[in-house]
């Protein structure tokens, strides 16, 4: 069965790529330079590992430092956000 947003009561959903990379800070700077991305959200742990939400002309993507304890072999995920 297929549900649309109205049936599920959602006001809108979006799917965004989530990239786990070595050197997230460098990746963030790359996206800013190459795509004129805006860093919407950023947080770091005490060891300097970060997570950033980026926007490129309204399209959202997430970048974080890869984490071996969370499965370093996973390089890309998708994030679903519903309003």
PDB file of N, CA and C in Angstrom:
ATOM      1  N   UNK A   1       0.841  -1.176   0.000  1.00  0.00           N
ATOM      2  CA  UNK A   1       0.000   0.000   0.000  1.00  0.00           C
ATOM      3  C   UNK A   1       0.886   1.239   0.000  1.00  0.00           C
ATOM      4  N   UNK A   2       0.537   2.217  -0.801  1.00  0.00           N
ATOM      5  CA  UNK A   2       1.291   3.470  -0.889  1.00  0.00           C
ATOM      6  C   UNK A   2       0.526   4.547  -0.140  1.00  0.00           C
ATOM      7  N   UNK A   3       1.251   5.285   0.684  1.00  0.00           N
ATOM      8  CA  UNK A   3       0.640   6.389   1.431  1.00  0.00           C
ATOM      9  C   UNK A   3       1.199   7.705   0.926  1.00  0.00           C
ATOM     10  N   UNK A   4       0.331   8.686   0.791  1.00  0.00           N
ATOM     11  CA  UNK A   4       0.850  10.015   0.484  1.00  0.00           C
ATOM     12  C   UNK A   4       0.889  10.822   1.782  1.00  0.00           C
ATOM     13  N   UNK A   5       1.492  11.996   1.749  1.00  0.00           N
ATOM     14  CA  UNK A   5       1.655  12.804   2.951  1.00  0.00           C
ATOM     15  C   UNK A   5       0.346  13.154   3.619  1.00  0.00           C
ATOM     16  N   UNK A   6      -0.708  13.401   2.830  1.00  0.00           N
ATOM     17  CA  UNK A   6      -2.004  13.775   3.409  1.00  0.00           C
ATOM     18  C   UNK A   6      -2.586  12.628   4.223  1.00  0.00           C
ATOM     19  N   UNK A   7      -2.465  11.402   3.692  1.00  0.00           N
ATOM     20  CA  UNK A   7      -2.987  10.245   4.415  1.00  0.00           C
ATOM     21  C   UNK A   7      -2.231  10.014   5.714  1.00  0.00           C
ATOM     22  N   UNK A   8      -0.924  10.253   5.697  1.00  0.00           N
ATOM     23  CA  UNK A   8      -0.104  10.014   6.882  1.00  0.00           C
ATOM     24  C   UNK A   8      -0.158  11.190   7.853  1.00  0.00           C
ATOM     25  N   UNK A   9      -0.752  12.292   7.432  1.00  0.00           N
ATOM     26  CA  UNK A   9      -0.840  13.467   8.290  1.00  0.00           C
ATOM     27  C   UNK A   9       0.411  14.323   8.265  1.00  0.00           C
ATOM     28  N   UNK A  10       1.360  14.028   7.381  1.00  0.00           N
ATOM     29  CA  UNK A  10       2.598  14.798   7.298  1.00  0.00           C
ATOM     30  C   UNK A  10       2.363  16.077   6.502  1.00  0.00           C
ATOM     31  N   UNK A  11       3.039  17.145   6.917  1.00  0.00           N
ATOM     32  CA  UNK A  11       2.940  18.417   6.197  1.00  0.00           C
ATOM     33  C   UNK A  11       3.952  18.496   5.077  1.00  0.00           C
ATOM     34  N   UNK A  12       4.924  17.634   5.093  1.00  0.00           N
ATOM     35  CA  UNK A  12       5.947  17.607   4.060  1.00  0.00           C
ATOM     36  C   UNK A  12       7.169  16.863   4.552  1.00  0.00           C
ATOM     37  N   UNK A  13       7.797  16.160   3.656  1.00  0.00           N
ATOM     38  CA  UNK A  13       8.985  15.396   4.008  1.00  0.00           C
ATOM     39  C   UNK A  13      10.083  15.678   2.996  1.00  0.00           C
ATOM     40  N   UNK A  14      11.300  15.489   3.434  1.00  0.00           N
ATOM     41  CA  UNK A  14      12.429  15.597   2.521  1.00  0.00           C
ATOM     42  C   UNK A  14      13.433  14.514   2.868  1.00  0.00           C
ATOM     43  N   UNK A  15      14.178  14.105   1.876  1.00  0.00           N
ATOM     44  CA  UNK A  15      15.242  13.133   2.066  1.00  0.00           C
ATOM     45  C   UNK A  15      16.544  13.820   1.701  1.00  0.00           C
ATOM     46  N   UNK A  16      17.561  13.660   2.567  1.00  0.00           N
ATOM     47  CA  UNK A  16      18.846  14.309   2.335  1.00  0.00           C
ATOM     48  C   UNK A  16      19.973  13.300   2.453  1.00  0.00           C
ATOM     49  N   UNK A  17      20.987  13.409   1.585  1.00  0.00           N
ATOM     50  CA  UNK A  17      22.148  12.536   1.735  1.00  0.00           C
ATOM     51  C   UNK A  17      22.914  12.868   3.004  1.00  0.00           C
ATOM     52  N   UNK A  18      23.488  11.841   3.622  1.00  0.00           N
ATOM     53  CA  UNK A  18      24.292  11.997   4.830  1.00  0.00           C
ATOM     54  C   UNK A  18      25.603  11.281   4.553  1.00  0.00           C
ATOM     55  N   UNK A  19      26.688  12.041   4.450  1.00  0.00           N
ATOM     56  CA  UNK A  19      27.981  11.496   4.083  1.00  0.00           C
ATOM     57  C   UNK A  19      28.885  11.366   5.295  1.00  0.00           C
ATOM     58  N   UNK A  20      29.413  10.175   5.522  1.00  0.00           N
ATOM     59  CA  UNK A  20      30.408   9.935   6.567  1.00  0.00           C
ATOM     60  C   UNK A  20      31.764   9.910   5.888  1.00  0.00           C
ATOM     61  N   UNK A  21      32.632  10.847   6.256  1.00  0.00           N
ATOM     62  CA  UNK A  21      33.920  11.003   5.573  1.00  0.00           C
ATOM     63  C   UNK A  21      35.054  11.157   6.573  1.00  0.00           C
ATOM     64  N   UNK A  22      36.259  10.912   6.115  1.00  0.00           N
ATOM     65  CA  UNK A  22      37.446  11.245   6.900  1.00  0.00           C
ATOM     66  C   UNK A  22      37.694  12.733   6.699  1.00  0.00           C
ATOM     67  N   UNK A  23      37.722  13.496   7.767  1.00  0.00           N
ATOM     68  CA  UNK A  23      37.975  14.931   7.649  1.00  0.00           C
ATOM     69  C   UNK A  23      36.743  15.717   7.257  1.00  0.00           C
ATOM     70  N   UNK A  24      35.697  15.649   8.070  1.00  0.00           N
ATOM     71  CA  UNK A  24      34.447  16.348   7.759  1.00  0.00           C
ATOM     72  C   UNK A  24      34.655  17.853   7.623  1.00  0.00           C
ATOM     73  N   UNK A  25      35.534  18.426   8.432  1.00  0.00           N
ATOM     74  CA  UNK A  25      35.770  19.885   8.349  1.00  0.00           C
ATOM     75  C   UNK A  25      36.287  20.259   6.965  1.00  0.00           C
ATOM     76  N   UNK A  26      37.175  19.440   6.405  1.00  0.00           N
ATOM     77  CA  UNK A  26      37.673  19.703   5.048  1.00  0.00           C
ATOM     78  C   UNK A  26      36.563  19.552   4.025  1.00  0.00           C
ATOM     79  N   UNK A  27      35.693  18.551   4.224  1.00  0.00           N
ATOM     80  CA  UNK A  27      34.576  18.342   3.301  1.00  0.00           C
ATOM     81  C   UNK A  27      33.619  19.530   3.337  1.00  0.00           C
ATOM     82  N   UNK A  28      33.358  20.049   4.542  1.00  0.00           N
ATOM     83  CA  UNK A  28      32.477  21.217   4.684  1.00  0.00           C
ATOM     84  C   UNK A  28      33.064  22.401   3.912  1.00  0.00           C
ATOM     85  N   UNK A  29      34.347  22.642   4.074  1.00  0.00           N
ATOM     86  CA  UNK A  29      34.992  23.748   3.352  1.00  0.00           C
ATOM     87  C   UNK A  29      34.945  23.527   1.847  1.00  0.00           C
ATOM     88  N   UNK A  30      35.105  22.269   1.408  1.00  0.00           N
ATOM     89  CA  UNK A  30      34.999  21.953  -0.011  1.00  0.00           C
ATOM     90  C   UNK A  30      33.614  22.304  -0.538  1.00  0.00           C
ATOM     91  N   UNK A  31      32.550  21.884   0.160  1.00  0.00           N
ATOM     92  CA  UNK A  31      31.189  22.174  -0.292  1.00  0.00           C
ATOM     93  C   UNK A  31      30.917  23.672  -0.319  1.00  0.00           C
ATOM     94  N   UNK A  32      31.479  24.407   0.639  1.00  0.00           N
ATOM     95  CA  UNK A  32      31.314  25.860   0.647  1.00  0.00           C
ATOM     96  C   UNK A  32      31.965  26.487  -0.578  1.00  0.00           C
ATOM     97  N   UNK A  33      33.184  26.049  -0.890  1.00  0.00           N
ATOM     98  CA  UNK A  33      33.923  26.616  -2.020  1.00  0.00           C
ATOM     99  C   UNK A  33      33.364  26.163  -3.360  1.00  0.00           C
ATOM    100  N   UNK A  34      33.148  24.861  -3.499  1.00  0.00           N
ATOM    101  CA  UNK A  34      32.749  24.309  -4.792  1.00  0.00           C
ATOM    102  C   UNK A  34      31.296  24.590  -5.153  1.00  0.00           C
ATOM    103  N   UNK A  35      30.409  24.600  -4.150  1.00  0.00           N
ATOM    104  CA  UNK A  35      28.974  24.700  -4.431  1.00  0.00           C
ATOM    105  C   UNK A  35      28.299  25.892  -3.773  1.00  0.00           C
ATOM    106  N   UNK A  36      29.095  26.781  -3.168  1.00  0.00           N
ATOM    107  CA  UNK A  36      28.549  27.936  -2.460  1.00  0.00           C
ATOM    108  C   UNK A  36      27.559  27.495  -1.377  1.00  0.00           C
ATOM    109  N   UNK A  37      27.890  26.389  -0.719  1.00  0.00           N
ATOM    110  CA  UNK A  37      27.030  25.828   0.324  1.00  0.00           C
ATOM    111  C   UNK A  37      27.037  26.714   1.563  1.00  0.00           C
ATOM    112  N   UNK A  38      25.957  26.644   2.295  1.00  0.00           N
ATOM    113  CA  UNK A  38      25.815  27.357   3.564  1.00  0.00           C
ATOM    114  C   UNK A  38      25.806  26.313   4.673  1.00  0.00           C
ATOM    115  N   UNK A  39      26.590  26.557   5.713  1.00  0.00           N
ATOM    116  CA  UNK A  39      26.606  25.671   6.869  1.00  0.00           C
ATOM    117  C   UNK A  39      25.478  26.098   7.803  1.00  0.00           C
ATOM    118  N   UNK A  40      24.416  25.301   7.841  1.00  0.00           N
ATOM    119  CA  UNK A  40      23.210  25.626   8.595  1.00  0.00           C
ATOM    120  C   UNK A  40      23.343  25.240  10.062  1.00  0.00           C
ATOM    121  N   UNK A  41      24.030  24.122  10.310  1.00  0.00           N
ATOM    122  CA  UNK A  41      24.147  23.582  11.665  1.00  0.00           C
ATOM    123  C   UNK A  41      25.498  22.898  11.784  1.00  0.00           C
ATOM    124  N   UNK A  42      26.119  23.019  12.932  1.00  0.00           N
ATOM    125  CA  UNK A  42      27.416  22.373  13.156  1.00  0.00           C
ATOM    126  C   UNK A  42      27.577  22.065  14.645  1.00  0.00           C
ATOM    127  N   UNK A  43      28.101  20.876  14.925  1.00  0.00           N
ATOM    128  CA  UNK A  43      28.408  20.509  16.301  1.00  0.00           C
ATOM    129  C   UNK A  43      29.648  19.622  16.275  1.00  0.00           C
ATOM    130  N   UNK A  44      30.477  19.745  17.307  1.00  0.00           N
ATOM    131  CA  UNK A  44      31.670  18.915  17.435  1.00  0.00           C
ATOM    132  C   UNK A  44      31.738  18.310  18.817  1.00  0.00           C
ATOM    133  N   UNK A  45      32.343  17.114  18.887  1.00  0.00           N
ATOM    134  CA  UNK A  45      32.597  16.524  20.205  1.00  0.00           C
ATOM    135  C   UNK A  45      33.959  17.024  20.694  1.00  0.00           C
ATOM    136  N   UNK A  46      34.328  16.724  21.932  1.00  0.00           N
ATOM    137  CA  UNK A  46      35.605  17.204  22.473  1.00  0.00           C
ATOM    138  C   UNK A  46      36.837  16.758  21.675  1.00  0.00           C
ATOM    139  N   UNK A  47      36.712  15.663  20.921  1.00  0.00           N
ATOM    140  CA  UNK A  47      37.836  15.185  20.112  1.00  0.00           C
ATOM    141  C   UNK A  47      37.910  15.862  18.745  1.00  0.00           C
ATOM    142  N   UNK A  48      36.975  16.756  18.445  1.00  0.00           N
ATOM    143  CA  UNK A  48      36.976  17.464  17.170  1.00  0.00           C
ATOM    144  C   UNK A  48      36.202  16.791  16.066  1.00  0.00           C
ATOM    145  N   UNK A  49      35.531  15.674  16.350  1.00  0.00           N
ATOM    146  CA  UNK A  49      34.693  15.009  15.345  1.00  0.00           C
ATOM    147  C   UNK A  49      33.405  15.801  15.195  1.00  0.00           C
ATOM    148  N   UNK A  50      33.064  16.121  13.949  1.00  0.00           N
ATOM    149  CA  UNK A  50      31.933  17.000  13.744  1.00  0.00           C
ATOM    150  C   UNK A  50      30.822  16.426  12.896  1.00  0.00           C
ATOM    151  N   UNK A  51      29.682  17.106  12.991  1.00  0.00           N
ATOM    152  CA  UNK A  51      28.509  16.864  12.164  1.00  0.00           C
ATOM    153  C   UNK A  51      28.045  18.224  11.674  1.00  0.00           C
ATOM    154  N   UNK A  52      27.770  18.326  10.386  1.00  0.00           N
ATOM    155  CA  UNK A  52      27.300  19.593   9.827  1.00  0.00           C
ATOM    156  C   UNK A  52      26.130  19.349   8.890  1.00  0.00           C
ATOM    157  N   UNK A  53      25.153  20.244   8.976  1.00  0.00           N
ATOM    158  CA  UNK A  53      24.051  20.256   8.009  1.00  0.00           C
ATOM    159  C   UNK A  53      24.349  21.384   7.047  1.00  0.00           C
ATOM    160  N   UNK A  54      24.355  21.067   5.767  1.00  0.00           N
ATOM    161  CA  UNK A  54      24.682  22.035   4.726  1.00  0.00           C
ATOM    162  C   UNK A  54      23.465  22.268   3.837  1.00  0.00           C
ATOM    163  N   UNK A  55      23.437  23.428   3.198  1.00  0.00           N
ATOM    164  CA  UNK A  55      22.383  23.736   2.237  1.00  0.00           C
ATOM    165  C   UNK A  55      23.029  24.269   0.965  1.00  0.00           C
ATOM    166  N   UNK A  56      22.639  23.688  -0.173  1.00  0.00           N
ATOM    167  CA  UNK A  56      23.097  24.154  -1.478  1.00  0.00           C
ATOM    168  C   UNK A  56      21.858  24.554  -2.258  1.00  0.00           C
ATOM    169  N   UNK A  57      21.630  25.860  -2.354  1.00  0.00           N
ATOM    170  CA  UNK A  57      20.437  26.393  -3.029  1.00  0.00           C
ATOM    171  C   UNK A  57      19.168  25.721  -2.529  1.00  0.00           C
ATOM    172  N   UNK A  58      19.081  25.511  -1.223  1.00  0.00           N
ATOM    173  CA  UNK A  58      17.896  24.927  -0.612  1.00  0.00           C
ATOM    174  C   UNK A  58      17.911  23.418  -0.494  1.00  0.00           C
ATOM    175  N   UNK A  59      18.829  22.753  -1.181  1.00  0.00           N
ATOM    176  CA  UNK A  59      18.959  21.301  -1.073  1.00  0.00           C
ATOM    177  C   UNK A  59      19.836  20.983   0.136  1.00  0.00           C
ATOM    178  N   UNK A  60      19.374  20.081   0.985  1.00  0.00           N
ATOM    179  CA  UNK A  60      20.058  19.770   2.236  1.00  0.00           C
ATOM    180  C   UNK A  60      20.947  18.548   2.102  1.00  0.00           C
ATOM    181  N   UNK A  61      22.098  18.591   2.767  1.00  0.00           N
ATOM    182  CA  UNK A  61      22.940  17.418   2.925  1.00  0.00           C
ATOM    183  C   UNK A  61      23.629  17.493   4.277  1.00  0.00           C
ATOM    184  N   UNK A  62      24.011  16.357   4.795  1.00  0.00           N
ATOM    185  CA  UNK A  62      24.690  16.255   6.087  1.00  0.00           C
ATOM    186  C   UNK A  62      26.062  15.650   5.852  1.00  0.00           C
ATOM    187  N   UNK A  63      27.047  16.105   6.641  1.00  0.00           N
ATOM    188  CA  UNK A  63      28.407  15.586   6.577  1.00  0.00           C
ATOM    189  C   UNK A  63      28.870  15.329   8.003  1.00  0.00           C
ATOM    190  N   UNK A  64      29.465  14.163   8.237  1.00  0.00           N
ATOM    191  CA  UNK A  64      30.047  13.915   9.555  1.00  0.00           C
ATOM    192  C   UNK A  64      31.345  13.142   9.414  1.00  0.00           C
ATOM    193  N   UNK A  65      32.185  13.235  10.460  1.00  0.00           N
ATOM    194  CA  UNK A  65      33.401  12.436  10.507  1.00  0.00           C
ATOM    195  C   UNK A  65      33.008  10.982  10.671  1.00  0.00           C
ATOM    196  N   UNK A  66      33.666  10.108   9.897  1.00  0.00           N
ATOM    197  CA  UNK A  66      33.346   8.693  10.038  1.00  0.00           C
ATOM    198  C   UNK A  66      33.726   8.227  11.434  1.00  0.00           C
ATOM    199  N   UNK A  67      33.002   7.228  11.895  1.00  0.00           N
ATOM    200  CA  UNK A  67      33.154   6.747  13.258  1.00  0.00           C
ATOM    201  C   UNK A  67      33.265   5.236  13.243  1.00  0.00           C
ATOM    202  N   UNK A  68      34.479   4.698  13.471  1.00  0.00           N
ATOM    203  CA  UNK A  68      34.638   3.239  13.421  1.00  0.00           C
ATOM    204  C   UNK A  68      33.695   2.491  14.354  1.00  0.00           C
ATOM    205  N   UNK A  69      33.382   3.055  15.506  1.00  0.00           N
ATOM    206  CA  UNK A  69      32.481   2.356  16.430  1.00  0.00           C
ATOM    207  C   UNK A  69      31.050   2.292  15.910  1.00  0.00           C
ATOM    208  N   UNK A  70      30.743   3.099  14.888  1.00  0.00           N
ATOM    209  CA  UNK A  70      29.403   3.062  14.298  1.00  0.00           C
ATOM    210  C   UNK A  70      29.422   2.445  12.903  1.00  0.00           C
ATOM    211  N   UNK A  71      30.503   1.787  12.576  1.00  0.00           N
ATOM    212  CA  UNK A  71      30.585   1.120  11.276  1.00  0.00           C
ATOM    213  C   UNK A  71      31.215   1.998  10.226  1.00  0.00           C
ATOM    214  N   UNK A  72      32.522   2.059  10.202  1.00  0.00           N
ATOM    215  CA  UNK A  72      33.242   2.916   9.263  1.00  0.00           C
ATOM    216  C   UNK A  72      32.990   2.535   7.814  1.00  0.00           C
ATOM    217  N   UNK A  73      32.527   1.301   7.557  1.00  0.00           N
ATOM    218  CA  UNK A  73      32.288   0.902   6.183  1.00  0.00           C
ATOM    219  C   UNK A  73      31.068   1.605   5.592  1.00  0.00           C
ATOM    220  N   UNK A  74      30.225   2.172   6.441  1.00  0.00           N
ATOM    221  CA  UNK A  74      29.066   2.913   5.951  1.00  0.00           C
ATOM    222  C   UNK A  74      29.526   4.315   5.593  1.00  0.00           C
ATOM    223  N   UNK A  75      29.445   4.659   4.321  1.00  0.00           N
ATOM    224  CA  UNK A  75      29.954   5.951   3.860  1.00  0.00           C
ATOM    225  C   UNK A  75      28.841   6.938   3.532  1.00  0.00           C
ATOM    226  N   UNK A  76      27.650   6.461   3.222  1.00  0.00           N
ATOM    227  CA  UNK A  76      26.555   7.362   2.888  1.00  0.00           C
ATOM    228  C   UNK A  76      25.262   6.811   3.459  1.00  0.00           C
ATOM    229  N   UNK A  77      24.450   7.701   4.005  1.00  0.00           N
ATOM    230  CA  UNK A  77      23.137   7.346   4.532  1.00  0.00           C
ATOM    231  C   UNK A  77      22.140   8.353   3.967  1.00  0.00           C
ATOM    232  N   UNK A  78      20.885   8.163   4.240  1.00  0.00           N
ATOM    233  CA  UNK A  78      19.869   9.124   3.856  1.00  0.00           C
ATOM    234  C   UNK A  78      19.155   9.572   5.113  1.00  0.00           C
ATOM    235  N   UNK A  79      18.840  10.847   5.210  1.00  0.00           N
ATOM    236  CA  UNK A  79      18.118  11.399   6.354  1.00  0.00           C
ATOM    237  C   UNK A  79      16.729  11.815   5.886  1.00  0.00           C
ATOM    238  N   UNK A  80      15.708  11.359   6.586  1.00  0.00           N
ATOM    239  CA  UNK A  80      14.323  11.695   6.269  1.00  0.00           C
ATOM    240  C   UNK A  80      13.826  12.676   7.302  1.00  0.00           C
ATOM    241  N   UNK A  81      13.298  13.807   6.850  1.00  0.00           N
ATOM    242  CA  UNK A  81      12.776  14.814   7.780  1.00  0.00           C
ATOM    243  C   UNK A  81      11.359  15.169   7.346  1.00  0.00           C
ATOM    244  N   UNK A  82      10.428  15.074   8.277  1.00  0.00           N
ATOM    245  CA  UNK A  82       9.044  15.429   8.011  1.00  0.00           C
ATOM    246  C   UNK A  82       8.623  16.559   8.954  1.00  0.00           C
ATOM    247  N   UNK A  83       7.880  17.501   8.412  1.00  0.00           N
ATOM    248  CA  UNK A  83       7.407  18.637   9.211  1.00  0.00           C
ATOM    249  C   UNK A  83       6.067  18.311   9.814  1.00  0.00           C
TER     250      UNK A  83
END
